Amino acid sequence: MKSYLKSEIARAAGVSYRTFQRWLQQQSEQLSQWGVTPRTQLLPPVAVEWICQQYGIDERELFL
């Protein structure tokens, strides 16, 4: 797993960037533990893996 932009993860999830931002707002407490703020664009690998697990995003979609 590597770092990804929020827009890349939103595309892999099949949702708009705005919808993805709303998803992340609901998880702000957990994400803040990894230093992710609402303005963070590049998500660290640990956050990417956690988000993919939480929202059922196929990690292989990120590589396309």
C-alpha atoms as a PDB file:
ATOM      1  CA  MET A   1       0.000   0.000   0.000  1.00  0.00           C
ATOM      2  CA  LYS A   2       1.188   3.515  -0.720  1.00  0.00           C
ATOM      3  CA  SER A   3      -0.079   7.057  -0.259  1.00  0.00           C
ATOM      4  CA  TYR A   4      -2.956   8.193  -2.464  1.00  0.00           C
ATOM      5  CA  LEU A   5      -4.785  11.425  -3.135  1.00  0.00           C
ATOM      6  CA  LYS A   6      -8.315  11.713  -1.815  1.00  0.00           C
ATOM      7  CA  SER A   7      -9.533  12.209  -5.391  1.00  0.00           C
ATOM      8  CA  GLU A   8      -7.960   8.896  -6.462  1.00  0.00           C
ATOM      9  CA  ILE A   9      -9.688   7.008  -3.664  1.00  0.00           C
ATOM     10  CA  ALA A  10     -13.007   8.710  -4.421  1.00  0.00           C
ATOM     11  CA  ARG A  11     -12.706   7.648  -8.063  1.00  0.00           C
ATOM     12  CA  ALA A  12     -11.918   4.051  -7.023  1.00  0.00           C
ATOM     13  CA  ALA A  13     -14.974   4.105  -4.739  1.00  0.00           C
ATOM     14  CA  GLY A  14     -17.146   5.363  -7.585  1.00  0.00           C
ATOM     15  CA  VAL A  15     -18.298   8.483  -5.723  1.00  0.00           C
ATOM     16  CA  SER A  16     -17.762  12.195  -6.164  1.00  0.00           C
ATOM     17  CA  TYR A  17     -14.982  13.957  -4.289  1.00  0.00           C
ATOM     18  CA  ARG A  18     -17.589  15.829  -2.243  1.00  0.00           C
ATOM     19  CA  THR A  19     -19.302  12.611  -1.180  1.00  0.00           C
ATOM     20  CA  PHE A  20     -15.943  11.117  -0.252  1.00  0.00           C
ATOM     21  CA  GLN A  21     -15.164  14.195   1.856  1.00  0.00           C
ATOM     22  CA  ARG A  22     -18.455  13.674   3.708  1.00  0.00           C
ATOM     23  CA  TRP A  23     -17.520  10.059   4.387  1.00  0.00           C
ATOM     24  CA  LEU A  24     -14.222  11.195   5.854  1.00  0.00           C
ATOM     25  CA  GLN A  25     -15.900  13.828   8.023  1.00  0.00           C
ATOM     26  CA  GLN A  26     -17.777  11.030   9.761  1.00  0.00           C
ATOM     27  CA  GLN A  27     -14.454   9.362  10.568  1.00  0.00           C
ATOM     28  CA  SER A  28     -12.481  12.481  11.492  1.00  0.00           C
ATOM     29  CA  GLU A  29     -11.604  11.268  14.996  1.00  0.00           C
ATOM     30  CA  GLN A  30      -9.966   8.085  13.722  1.00  0.00           C
ATOM     31  CA  LEU A  31      -8.240   9.827  10.808  1.00  0.00           C
ATOM     32  CA  SER A  32      -6.825  12.568  13.018  1.00  0.00           C
ATOM     33  CA  GLN A  33      -4.796   9.898  14.827  1.00  0.00           C
ATOM     34  CA  TRP A  34      -2.812   9.512  11.598  1.00  0.00           C
ATOM     35  CA  GLY A  35      -2.474  13.251  11.060  1.00  0.00           C
ATOM     36  CA  VAL A  36      -5.235  13.497   8.459  1.00  0.00           C
ATOM     37  CA  THR A  37      -7.111  16.801   8.545  1.00  0.00           C
ATOM     38  CA  PRO A  38      -9.931  18.017   6.279  1.00  0.00           C
ATOM     39  CA  ARG A  39      -7.319  19.868   4.200  1.00  0.00           C
ATOM     40  CA  THR A  40      -4.993  16.893   3.793  1.00  0.00           C
ATOM     41  CA  GLN A  41      -4.894  15.842   0.139  1.00  0.00           C
ATOM     42  CA  LEU A  42      -2.342  13.009   0.224  1.00  0.00           C
ATOM     43  CA  LEU A  43      -3.438  10.256   2.585  1.00  0.00           C
ATOM     44  CA  PRO A  44      -0.804   8.087   4.296  1.00  0.00           C
ATOM     45  CA  PRO A  45      -0.772   4.340   3.564  1.00  0.00           C
ATOM     46  CA  VAL A  46      -2.251   3.383   6.945  1.00  0.00           C
ATOM     47  CA  ALA A  47      -5.225   5.709   6.367  1.00  0.00           C
ATOM     48  CA  VAL A  48      -5.716   4.452   2.801  1.00  0.00           C
ATOM     49  CA  GLU A  49      -5.809   0.841   3.960  1.00  0.00           C
ATOM     50  CA  TRP A  50      -8.235   1.650   6.775  1.00  0.00           C
ATOM     51  CA  ILE A  51     -10.555   3.651   4.484  1.00  0.00           C
ATOM     52  CA  CYS A  52     -10.595   0.847   1.918  1.00  0.00           C
ATOM     53  CA  GLN A  53     -11.559  -1.653   4.608  1.00  0.00           C
ATOM     54  CA  GLN A  54     -14.218   0.602   6.156  1.00  0.00           C
ATOM     55  CA  TYR A  55     -15.953   1.461   2.887  1.00  0.00           C
ATOM     56  CA  GLY A  56     -15.404  -1.740   0.935  1.00  0.00           C
ATOM     57  CA  ILE A  57     -13.198  -0.129  -1.690  1.00  0.00           C
ATOM     58  CA  ASP A  58     -11.310  -2.617  -3.826  1.00  0.00           C
ATOM     59  CA  GLU A  59      -7.649  -1.670  -3.421  1.00  0.00           C
ATOM     60  CA  ARG A  60      -6.914  -2.955  -6.929  1.00  0.00           C
ATOM     61  CA  GLU A  61      -9.055  -0.105  -8.311  1.00  0.00           C
ATOM     62  CA  LEU A  62      -6.481   2.345  -6.965  1.00  0.00           C
ATOM     63  CA  PHE A  63      -3.857   0.977  -9.335  1.00  0.00           C
ATOM     64  CA  LEU A  64      -5.859   1.751 -12.489  1.00  0.00           C
END
